[in-house]
C-alpha atoms as a PDB file:
ATOM      1  CA  MET A   1      13.935  81.395  -8.473  1.00  0.00           C
ATOM      2  CA  PHE A   2      12.935  82.558 -11.947  1.00  0.00           C
ATOM      3  CA  CYS A   3      11.419  85.844 -13.123  1.00  0.00           C
ATOM      4  CA  ILE A   4       8.200  85.488 -15.088  1.00  0.00           C
ATOM      5  CA  ALA A   5       8.341  86.827 -18.663  1.00  0.00           C
ATOM      6  CA  ASN A   6       5.819  89.478 -19.708  1.00  0.00           C
ATOM      7  CA  ASN A   7       4.408  87.430 -22.547  1.00  0.00           C
ATOM      8  CA  LYS A   8       4.069  83.640 -22.385  1.00  0.00           C
ATOM      9  CA  ASN A   9       6.103  83.400 -25.606  1.00  0.00           C
ATOM     10  CA  ASP A  10       8.869  85.727 -24.394  1.00  0.00           C
ATOM     11  CA  LEU A  11      12.087  84.222 -23.113  1.00  0.00           C
ATOM     12  CA  LEU A  12      14.070  85.661 -20.228  1.00  0.00           C
ATOM     13  CA  ILE A  13      17.116  87.654 -21.305  1.00  0.00           C
ATOM     14  CA  ASN A  14      20.207  89.149 -19.649  1.00  0.00           C
ATOM     15  CA  GLU A  15      19.436  90.535 -16.158  1.00  0.00           C
ATOM     16  CA  GLN A  16      16.000  88.880 -16.057  1.00  0.00           C
ATOM     17  CA  ILE A  17      17.708  85.512 -15.567  1.00  0.00           C
ATOM     18  CA  LYS A  18      17.939  84.677 -11.838  1.00  0.00           C
ATOM     19  CA  ALA A  19      19.826  81.339 -11.863  1.00  0.00           C
ATOM     20  CA  SER A  20      23.288  81.309 -10.262  1.00  0.00           C
ATOM     21  CA  ASN A  21      24.943  78.876 -12.736  1.00  0.00           C
ATOM     22  CA  VAL A  22      23.918  78.304 -16.348  1.00  0.00           C
ATOM     23  CA  LEU A  23      25.001  76.061 -19.222  1.00  0.00           C
ATOM     24  CA  VAL A  24      26.111  78.464 -21.964  1.00  0.00           C
ATOM     25  CA  ILE A  25      25.788  77.786 -25.685  1.00  0.00           C
ATOM     26  CA  GLY A  26      27.788  80.119 -27.941  1.00  0.00           C
ATOM     27  CA  PRO A  27      26.438  82.193 -30.840  1.00  0.00           C
ATOM     28  CA  ASN A  28      27.506  79.523 -33.380  1.00  0.00           C
ATOM     29  CA  GLY A  29      25.900  76.645 -31.452  1.00  0.00           C
ATOM     30  CA  GLU A  30      29.077  75.491 -29.712  1.00  0.00           C
ATOM     31  CA  GLN A  31      28.809  74.461 -26.067  1.00  0.00           C
ATOM     32  CA  VAL A  32      30.841  76.841 -23.856  1.00  0.00           C
ATOM     33  CA  GLY A  33      30.102  74.984 -20.624  1.00  0.00           C
ATOM     34  CA  VAL A  34      28.641  75.677 -17.179  1.00  0.00           C
ATOM     35  CA  LYS A  35      29.395  79.255 -16.117  1.00  0.00           C
ATOM     36  CA  ALA A  36      28.356  81.584 -13.328  1.00  0.00           C
ATOM     37  CA  LEU A  37      25.609  83.982 -14.455  1.00  0.00           C
ATOM     38  CA  LYS A  38      27.992  86.987 -14.170  1.00  0.00           C
ATOM     39  CA  ASP A  39      30.557  85.300 -16.411  1.00  0.00           C
ATOM     40  CA  ALA A  40      27.892  84.334 -18.959  1.00  0.00           C
ATOM     41  CA  LEU A  41      26.616  87.935 -19.036  1.00  0.00           C
ATOM     42  CA  VAL A  42      30.192  89.188 -19.566  1.00  0.00           C
ATOM     43  CA  LEU A  43      30.625  86.726 -22.461  1.00  0.00           C
ATOM     44  CA  SER A  44      27.397  87.831 -24.118  1.00  0.00           C
ATOM     45  CA  ASP A  45      28.239  91.511 -23.570  1.00  0.00           C
ATOM     46  CA  TYR A  46      31.706  90.961 -25.055  1.00  0.00           C
ATOM     47  CA  ALA A  47      30.078  89.404 -28.155  1.00  0.00           C
ATOM     48  CA  GLY A  48      27.611  92.318 -28.352  1.00  0.00           C
ATOM     49  CA  LEU A  49      24.672  89.915 -28.100  1.00  0.00           C
ATOM     50  CA  ASP A  50      22.035  88.871 -25.534  1.00  0.00           C
ATOM     51  CA  LEU A  51      22.076  85.982 -23.091  1.00  0.00           C
ATOM     52  CA  VAL A  52      18.743  84.191 -23.597  1.00  0.00           C
ATOM     53  CA  LEU A  53      17.348  81.551 -21.233  1.00  0.00           C
ATOM     54  CA  MET A  54      16.300  78.749 -23.611  1.00  0.00           C
ATOM     55  CA  ASN A  55      15.466  75.970 -21.106  1.00  0.00           C
ATOM     56  CA  PRO A  56      14.738  77.166 -17.557  1.00  0.00           C
ATOM     57  CA  ASN A  57      13.919  73.618 -16.378  1.00  0.00           C
ATOM     58  CA  GLY A  58      17.323  72.162 -17.286  1.00  0.00           C
ATOM     59  CA  ASN A  59      19.872  71.254 -14.625  1.00  0.00           C
ATOM     60  CA  PRO A  60      21.647  73.697 -14.894  1.00  0.00           C
ATOM     61  CA  PRO A  61      19.374  76.026 -16.922  1.00  0.00           C
ATOM     62  CA  VAL A  62      20.449  76.377 -20.569  1.00  0.00           C
ATOM     63  CA  CYS A  63      21.251  79.827 -21.972  1.00  0.00           C
ATOM     64  CA  LYS A  64      22.278  80.792 -25.488  1.00  0.00           C
ATOM     65  CA  ILE A  65      24.213  83.821 -26.656  1.00  0.00           C
ATOM     66  CA  MET A  66      22.278  85.341 -29.580  1.00  0.00           C
ATOM     67  CA  ASP A  67      20.699  88.483 -31.007  1.00  0.00           C
ATOM     68  CA  TYR A  68      17.315  88.245 -29.267  1.00  0.00           C
ATOM     69  CA  ASN A  69      15.522  90.825 -31.443  1.00  0.00           C
ATOM     70  CA  LYS A  70      16.575  88.981 -34.613  1.00  0.00           C
ATOM     71  CA  PHE A  71      15.470  85.683 -33.030  1.00  0.00           C
ATOM     72  CA  ARG A  72      12.017  87.107 -32.190  1.00  0.00           C
ATOM     73  CA  TYR A  73      11.678  88.666 -35.651  1.00  0.00           C
ATOM     74  CA  LEU A  74      12.474  85.383 -37.415  1.00  0.00           C
ATOM     75  CA  LYS A  75      10.152  83.457 -35.085  1.00  0.00           C
ATOM     76  CA  ASN A  76       7.238  85.856 -35.801  1.00  0.00           C
ATOM     77  CA  LYS A  77       7.968  85.736 -39.530  1.00  0.00           C
ATOM     78  CA  LYS A  78       7.890  81.928 -39.501  1.00  0.00           C
ATOM     79  CA  GLU A  79       4.575  81.913 -37.572  1.00  0.00           C
ATOM     80  CA  LYS A  80       3.008  84.322 -40.079  1.00  0.00           C
ATOM     81  CA  GLU A  81       4.157  82.156 -42.997  1.00  0.00           C
ATOM     82  CA  ASN A  82       2.646  79.074 -41.327  1.00  0.00           C
ATOM     83  CA  ILE A  83      -0.672  80.887 -40.851  1.00  0.00           C
ATOM     84  CA  LYS A  84      -0.578  82.023 -44.478  1.00  0.00           C
ATOM     85  CA  ARG A  85       0.022  78.438 -45.630  1.00  0.00           C
ATOM     86  CA  GLN A  86      -2.876  77.195 -43.486  1.00  0.00           C
ATOM     87  CA  LYS A  87      -5.203  79.792 -44.994  1.00  0.00           C
ATOM     88  CA  ALA A  88      -4.103  78.825 -48.503  1.00  0.00           C
ATOM     89  CA  ASN A  89      -5.045  75.208 -47.798  1.00  0.00           C
ATOM     90  CA  MET A  90      -8.475  76.108 -46.464  1.00  0.00           C
ATOM     91  CA  VAL A  91     -11.095  76.579 -49.176  1.00  0.00           C
ATOM     92  CA  GLU A  92     -13.606  79.251 -48.326  1.00  0.00           C
ATOM     93  CA  THR A  93     -17.296  78.420 -48.716  1.00  0.00           C
ATOM     94  CA  LYS A  94     -19.737  81.236 -49.432  1.00  0.00           C
ATOM     95  CA  GLU A  95     -23.489  80.844 -49.185  1.00  0.00           C
ATOM     96  CA  PHE A  96     -25.926  82.626 -51.487  1.00  0.00           C
ATOM     97  CA  ARG A  97     -29.691  82.587 -51.061  1.00  0.00           C
ATOM     98  CA  LEU A  98     -31.963  82.673 -54.040  1.00  0.00           C
ATOM     99  CA  SER A  99     -35.728  82.573 -54.289  1.00  0.00           C
ATOM    100  CA  SER A 100     -37.931  80.404 -56.450  1.00  0.00           C
ATOM    101  CA  VAL A 101     -39.631  83.612 -57.651  1.00  0.00           C
ATOM    102  CA  ILE A 102     -36.439  85.688 -58.093  1.00  0.00           C
ATOM    103  CA  ASP A 103     -36.541  88.673 -60.446  1.00  0.00           C
ATOM    104  CA  VAL A 104     -34.176  88.957 -63.441  1.00  0.00           C
ATOM    105  CA  GLY A 105     -32.226  91.903 -61.963  1.00  0.00           C
ATOM    106  CA  ASP A 106     -31.677  90.159 -58.623  1.00  0.00           C
ATOM    107  CA  PHE A 107     -30.692  86.974 -60.435  1.00  0.00           C
ATOM    108  CA  GLU A 108     -28.054  88.829 -62.485  1.00  0.00           C
ATOM    109  CA  THR A 109     -26.683  90.579 -59.371  1.00  0.00           C
ATOM    110  CA  LYS A 110     -26.280  87.280 -57.501  1.00  0.00           C
ATOM    111  CA  LEU A 111     -24.687  85.787 -60.605  1.00  0.00           C
ATOM    112  CA  LYS A 112     -22.047  88.552 -60.719  1.00  0.00           C
ATOM    113  CA  GLN A 113     -21.276  88.164 -57.010  1.00  0.00           C
ATOM    114  CA  VAL A 114     -20.962  84.382 -57.275  1.00  0.00           C
ATOM    115  CA  ARG A 115     -18.740  84.697 -60.359  1.00  0.00           C
ATOM    116  CA  LYS A 116     -16.405  87.026 -58.429  1.00  0.00           C
ATOM    117  CA  TYR A 117     -16.044  84.547 -55.541  1.00  0.00           C
ATOM    118  CA  LEU A 118     -15.572  81.583 -57.886  1.00  0.00           C
ATOM    119  CA  GLU A 119     -12.720  83.441 -59.616  1.00  0.00           C
ATOM    120  CA  LYS A 120     -11.083  83.872 -56.191  1.00  0.00           C
ATOM    121  CA  GLY A 121     -11.313  80.090 -55.694  1.00  0.00           C
ATOM    122  CA  ALA A 122     -14.162  79.887 -53.163  1.00  0.00           C
ATOM    123  CA  LYS A 123     -16.800  77.159 -53.147  1.00  0.00           C
ATOM    124  CA  ILE A 124     -20.396  78.339 -53.362  1.00  0.00           C
ATOM    125  CA  LYS A 125     -23.436  76.942 -51.577  1.00  0.00           C
ATOM    126  CA  VAL A 126     -26.656  78.069 -53.243  1.00  0.00           C
ATOM    127  CA  THR A 127     -29.827  77.746 -51.164  1.00  0.00           C
ATOM    128  CA  ILE A 128     -33.498  78.360 -51.729  1.00  0.00           C
ATOM    129  CA  ARG A 129     -35.874  78.404 -48.765  1.00  0.00           C
ATOM    130  CA  PHE A 130     -39.477  77.644 -49.646  1.00  0.00           C
ATOM    131  CA  LYS A 131     -42.175  79.510 -47.735  1.00  0.00           C
ATOM    132  CA  GLY A 132     -45.800  78.514 -47.327  1.00  0.00           C
ATOM    133  CA  ARG A 133     -47.437  77.401 -50.574  1.00  0.00           C
ATOM    134  CA  GLN A 134     -44.123  77.481 -52.483  1.00  0.00           C
ATOM    135  CA  MET A 135     -43.599  73.954 -51.132  1.00  0.00           C
ATOM    136  CA  ALA A 136     -46.198  72.777 -53.642  1.00  0.00           C
ATOM    137  CA  HIS A 137     -43.922  73.927 -56.505  1.00  0.00           C
ATOM    138  CA  THR A 138     -40.381  72.948 -55.523  1.00  0.00           C
ATOM    139  CA  GLU A 139     -39.655  72.261 -59.194  1.00  0.00           C
ATOM    140  CA  LEU A 140     -39.590  76.059 -59.742  1.00  0.00           C
ATOM    141  CA  GLY A 141     -36.719  76.321 -57.243  1.00  0.00           C
ATOM    142  CA  SER A 142     -34.920  73.457 -58.922  1.00  0.00           C
ATOM    143  CA  ASP A 143     -35.310  75.189 -62.302  1.00  0.00           C
ATOM    144  CA  VAL A 144     -33.870  78.441 -60.891  1.00  0.00           C
ATOM    145  CA  MET A 145     -30.861  76.583 -59.478  1.00  0.00           C
ATOM    146  CA  LEU A 146     -30.185  74.688 -62.714  1.00  0.00           C
ATOM    147  CA  LYS A 147     -30.459  77.926 -64.698  1.00  0.00           C
ATOM    148  CA  PHE A 148     -27.989  79.509 -62.222  1.00  0.00           C
ATOM    149  CA  ALA A 149     -25.555  76.608 -62.669  1.00  0.00           C
ATOM    150  CA  ASN A 150     -25.880  76.721 -66.472  1.00  0.00           C
ATOM    151  CA  ARG A 151     -24.998  80.429 -66.519  1.00  0.00           C
ATOM    152  CA  LEU A 152     -21.832  79.641 -64.505  1.00  0.00           C
ATOM    153  CA  GLU A 153     -20.782  76.463 -66.330  1.00  0.00           C
ATOM    154  CA  ASP A 154     -17.787  78.243 -67.944  1.00  0.00           C
ATOM    155  CA  ILE A 155     -16.063  78.752 -64.542  1.00  0.00           C
ATOM    156  CA  ALA A 156     -17.844  76.355 -62.154  1.00  0.00           C
ATOM    157  CA  THR A 157     -18.874  72.745 -61.831  1.00  0.00           C
ATOM    158  CA  VAL A 158     -21.844  71.447 -59.846  1.00  0.00           C
ATOM    159  CA  THR A 159     -20.463  69.225 -57.075  1.00  0.00           C
ATOM    160  CA  ASP A 160     -23.837  68.581 -55.380  1.00  0.00           C
ATOM    161  CA  SER A 161     -26.932  68.788 -57.559  1.00  0.00           C
ATOM    162  CA  PRO A 162     -30.032  70.514 -56.099  1.00  0.00           C
ATOM    163  CA  LYS A 163     -31.405  68.523 -53.152  1.00  0.00           C
ATOM    164  CA  LEU A 164     -34.516  69.244 -51.113  1.00  0.00           C
ATOM    165  CA  ASP A 165     -34.085  68.904 -47.354  1.00  0.00           C
ATOM    166  CA  GLY A 166     -37.232  69.940 -45.513  1.00  0.00           C
ATOM    167  CA  ARG A 167     -38.054  73.440 -46.741  1.00  0.00           C
ATOM    168  CA  THR A 168     -34.545  74.160 -48.040  1.00  0.00           C
ATOM    169  CA  MET A 169     -33.046  73.206 -51.377  1.00  0.00           C
ATOM    170  CA  THR A 170     -29.252  73.331 -51.654  1.00  0.00           C
ATOM    171  CA  MET A 171     -26.686  73.020 -54.432  1.00  0.00           C
ATOM    172  CA  MET A 172     -22.869  73.214 -54.257  1.00  0.00           C
ATOM    173  CA  LEU A 173     -20.653  74.815 -56.901  1.00  0.00           C
ATOM    174  CA  ALA A 174     -16.868  74.564 -57.100  1.00  0.00           C
ATOM    175  CA  PRO A 175     -14.523  76.536 -59.347  1.00  0.00           C
ATOM    176  CA  LYS A 176     -13.100  74.703 -62.370  1.00  0.00           C
ATOM    177  CA  LYS A 177      -9.385  74.036 -62.119  1.00  0.00           C
END
């Protein structure tokens, strides 16, 4: 009968282990052999380390003598590095909405914000949503988008030119390498 660990990632250690006989692996990876649980605990105590149940389903269950806190620390550190690497591979996409009748001040503000995100390496999706009678003059929206792209041509390239899809016109910008 086995004790259930508090966290699904936690391993059973020392007195939490309920098996009568266990296969013991030493601190340097050498196989010590099948020992009674008491003897294995004495060995781990003598080494000043923990007895950690690595494979509870083995026959007999496999335990390793190690510093459990160091093991957990290194495991967490490795997981954080993997997450960091995954985030580095993912390119963030930010969406900015413009208007076909945008004012100069608003245009400049959006330009500064987009420039900041492009410098960080994010892709930018620029959209314009046409309302009511603006649909009759979609070329105004296209002109605004092209002007926006021209102002950013020093740090960005247009990956998707302005396309009208229903009432929405979209354009994609990517940072220059």
